[in-house]
Amino acid sequence: MSNDPKLQDSGPWWKHGHVWLLVAGPATVVVAGFATAWIALKSPDPVVEADYYRRGIEINRTLAARDKANLPALQGRNHAATPAHP
């Protein structure tokens, strides 16, 4: 240390608020990373079933049958909404 009166000892680094402000950002990211890793390891994503394609085809057939059953109602609704031509 010098004997210059203008240079004062400002104390240890951990007693300054700005230092903690700079450290808080990276520390928060590290904690969030560990939390994300814990969540990922605790509940892994489910595996796609082997017959996913066949099940998708069955769902499409079910939806097509439902749409076909509703066809008369849809045609009636569309006819009622269509203005009459002179």
C-alpha atoms as a PDB file:
ATOM      1  CA  MET A   1       0.000   0.000   0.000  1.00  0.00           C
ATOM      2  CA  SER A   2       1.122   3.486  -0.660  1.00  0.00           C
ATOM      3  CA  ASN A   3       1.070   6.324   1.806  1.00  0.00           C
ATOM      4  CA  ASP A   4      -1.006   8.494  -0.503  1.00  0.00           C
ATOM      5  CA  PRO A   5      -4.043   9.790   1.461  1.00  0.00           C
ATOM      6  CA  LYS A   6      -6.174   9.826  -1.728  1.00  0.00           C
ATOM      7  CA  LEU A   7      -5.920   6.056  -2.021  1.00  0.00           C
ATOM      8  CA  GLN A   8      -8.059   4.540   0.687  1.00  0.00           C
ATOM      9  CA  ASP A   9      -8.535   0.906   1.433  1.00  0.00           C
ATOM     10  CA  SER A  10     -12.041   0.152   0.245  1.00  0.00           C
ATOM     11  CA  GLY A  11     -12.298  -3.136   2.127  1.00  0.00           C
ATOM     12  CA  PRO A  12     -12.651  -6.695   0.911  1.00  0.00           C
ATOM     13  CA  TRP A  13     -14.354  -7.383  -2.391  1.00  0.00           C
ATOM     14  CA  TRP A  14     -17.311  -9.264  -0.908  1.00  0.00           C
ATOM     15  CA  LYS A  15     -18.491  -6.197   0.980  1.00  0.00           C
ATOM     16  CA  HIS A  16     -19.303  -4.313  -2.233  1.00  0.00           C
ATOM     17  CA  GLY A  17     -22.844  -4.590  -3.607  1.00  0.00           C
ATOM     18  CA  HIS A  18     -21.820  -4.226  -7.237  1.00  0.00           C
ATOM     19  CA  VAL A  19     -19.739  -7.377  -7.049  1.00  0.00           C
ATOM     20  CA  TRP A  20     -22.756  -9.374  -5.882  1.00  0.00           C
ATOM     21  CA  LEU A  21     -24.833  -7.826  -8.627  1.00  0.00           C
ATOM     22  CA  LEU A  22     -22.328  -9.139 -11.186  1.00  0.00           C
ATOM     23  CA  VAL A  23     -22.101 -12.566  -9.535  1.00  0.00           C
ATOM     24  CA  ALA A  24     -25.892 -12.990  -9.209  1.00  0.00           C
ATOM     25  CA  GLY A  25     -26.518 -13.421 -12.953  1.00  0.00           C
ATOM     26  CA  PRO A  26     -24.157 -16.329 -13.605  1.00  0.00           C
ATOM     27  CA  ALA A  27     -25.037 -17.916 -10.250  1.00  0.00           C
ATOM     28  CA  THR A  28     -28.723 -17.854 -11.177  1.00  0.00           C
ATOM     29  CA  VAL A  29     -27.960 -19.519 -14.513  1.00  0.00           C
ATOM     30  CA  VAL A  30     -25.979 -22.272 -12.797  1.00  0.00           C
ATOM     31  CA  VAL A  31     -28.807 -22.953 -10.332  1.00  0.00           C
ATOM     32  CA  ALA A  32     -31.359 -22.978 -13.170  1.00  0.00           C
ATOM     33  CA  GLY A  33     -29.157 -25.416 -15.106  1.00  0.00           C
ATOM     34  CA  PHE A  34     -29.036 -27.824 -12.169  1.00  0.00           C
ATOM     35  CA  ALA A  35     -32.806 -27.507 -11.706  1.00  0.00           C
ATOM     36  CA  THR A  36     -33.377 -28.252 -15.391  1.00  0.00           C
ATOM     37  CA  ALA A  37     -31.055 -31.267 -15.251  1.00  0.00           C
ATOM     38  CA  TRP A  38     -32.868 -32.561 -12.172  1.00  0.00           C
ATOM     39  CA  ILE A  39     -36.267 -32.208 -13.850  1.00  0.00           C
ATOM     40  CA  ALA A  40     -34.987 -33.916 -17.021  1.00  0.00           C
ATOM     41  CA  LEU A  41     -33.540 -36.841 -15.087  1.00  0.00           C
ATOM     42  CA  LYS A  42     -36.554 -37.190 -12.791  1.00  0.00           C
ATOM     43  CA  SER A  43     -39.174 -37.321 -15.557  1.00  0.00           C
ATOM     44  CA  PRO A  44     -37.751 -38.375 -18.928  1.00  0.00           C
ATOM     45  CA  ASP A  45     -39.776 -37.990 -22.098  1.00  0.00           C
ATOM     46  CA  PRO A  46     -41.923 -40.983 -23.028  1.00  0.00           C
ATOM     47  CA  VAL A  47     -40.705 -43.207 -25.827  1.00  0.00           C
ATOM     48  CA  VAL A  48     -42.692 -43.154 -29.056  1.00  0.00           C
ATOM     49  CA  GLU A  49     -44.617 -46.374 -29.479  1.00  0.00           C
ATOM     50  CA  ALA A  50     -43.494 -48.771 -32.190  1.00  0.00           C
ATOM     51  CA  ASP A  51     -46.895 -48.796 -33.905  1.00  0.00           C
ATOM     52  CA  TYR A  52     -47.387 -45.011 -33.937  1.00  0.00           C
ATOM     53  CA  TYR A  53     -48.070 -44.960 -37.678  1.00  0.00           C
ATOM     54  CA  ARG A  54     -50.830 -47.567 -37.505  1.00  0.00           C
ATOM     55  CA  ARG A  55     -52.466 -45.759 -34.576  1.00  0.00           C
ATOM     56  CA  GLY A  56     -52.365 -42.490 -36.503  1.00  0.00           C
ATOM     57  CA  ILE A  57     -54.072 -44.121 -39.471  1.00  0.00           C
ATOM     58  CA  GLU A  58     -56.780 -45.475 -37.145  1.00  0.00           C
ATOM     59  CA  ILE A  59     -57.348 -42.012 -35.673  1.00  0.00           C
ATOM     60  CA  ASN A  60     -57.673 -40.549 -39.175  1.00  0.00           C
ATOM     61  CA  ARG A  61     -60.227 -43.249 -40.093  1.00  0.00           C
ATOM     62  CA  THR A  62     -62.218 -42.510 -36.947  1.00  0.00           C
ATOM     63  CA  LEU A  63     -62.228 -38.791 -37.727  1.00  0.00           C
ATOM     64  CA  ALA A  64     -63.239 -39.458 -41.343  1.00  0.00           C
ATOM     65  CA  ALA A  65     -66.149 -41.654 -40.202  1.00  0.00           C
ATOM     66  CA  ARG A  66     -67.276 -38.962 -37.779  1.00  0.00           C
ATOM     67  CA  ASP A  67     -67.098 -36.320 -40.507  1.00  0.00           C
ATOM     68  CA  LYS A  68     -69.059 -38.573 -42.870  1.00  0.00           C
ATOM     69  CA  ALA A  69     -71.760 -39.067 -40.225  1.00  0.00           C
ATOM     70  CA  ASN A  70     -72.042 -35.283 -39.800  1.00  0.00           C
ATOM     71  CA  LEU A  71     -72.218 -34.610 -43.535  1.00  0.00           C
ATOM     72  CA  PRO A  72     -76.032 -34.177 -43.744  1.00  0.00           C
ATOM     73  CA  ALA A  73     -75.992 -31.713 -40.874  1.00  0.00           C
ATOM     74  CA  LEU A  74     -73.126 -29.767 -42.440  1.00  0.00           C
ATOM     75  CA  GLN A  75     -74.901 -29.632 -45.801  1.00  0.00           C
ATOM     76  CA  GLY A  76     -78.082 -28.379 -44.124  1.00  0.00           C
ATOM     77  CA  ARG A  77     -76.164 -25.741 -42.228  1.00  0.00           C
ATOM     78  CA  ASN A  78     -74.370 -24.604 -45.377  1.00  0.00           C
ATOM     79  CA  HIS A  79     -77.653 -24.527 -47.320  1.00  0.00           C
ATOM     80  CA  ALA A  80     -79.300 -22.390 -44.632  1.00  0.00           C
ATOM     81  CA  ALA A  81     -76.379 -19.964 -44.647  1.00  0.00           C
ATOM     82  CA  THR A  82     -76.338 -19.627 -48.437  1.00  0.00           C
ATOM     83  CA  PRO A  83     -78.421 -16.709 -49.717  1.00  0.00           C
ATOM     84  CA  ALA A  84     -81.197 -17.540 -52.136  1.00  0.00           C
ATOM     85  CA  HIS A  85     -80.589 -16.729 -55.801  1.00  0.00           C
ATOM     86  CA  PRO A  86     -83.465 -15.010 -57.712  1.00  0.00           C
END
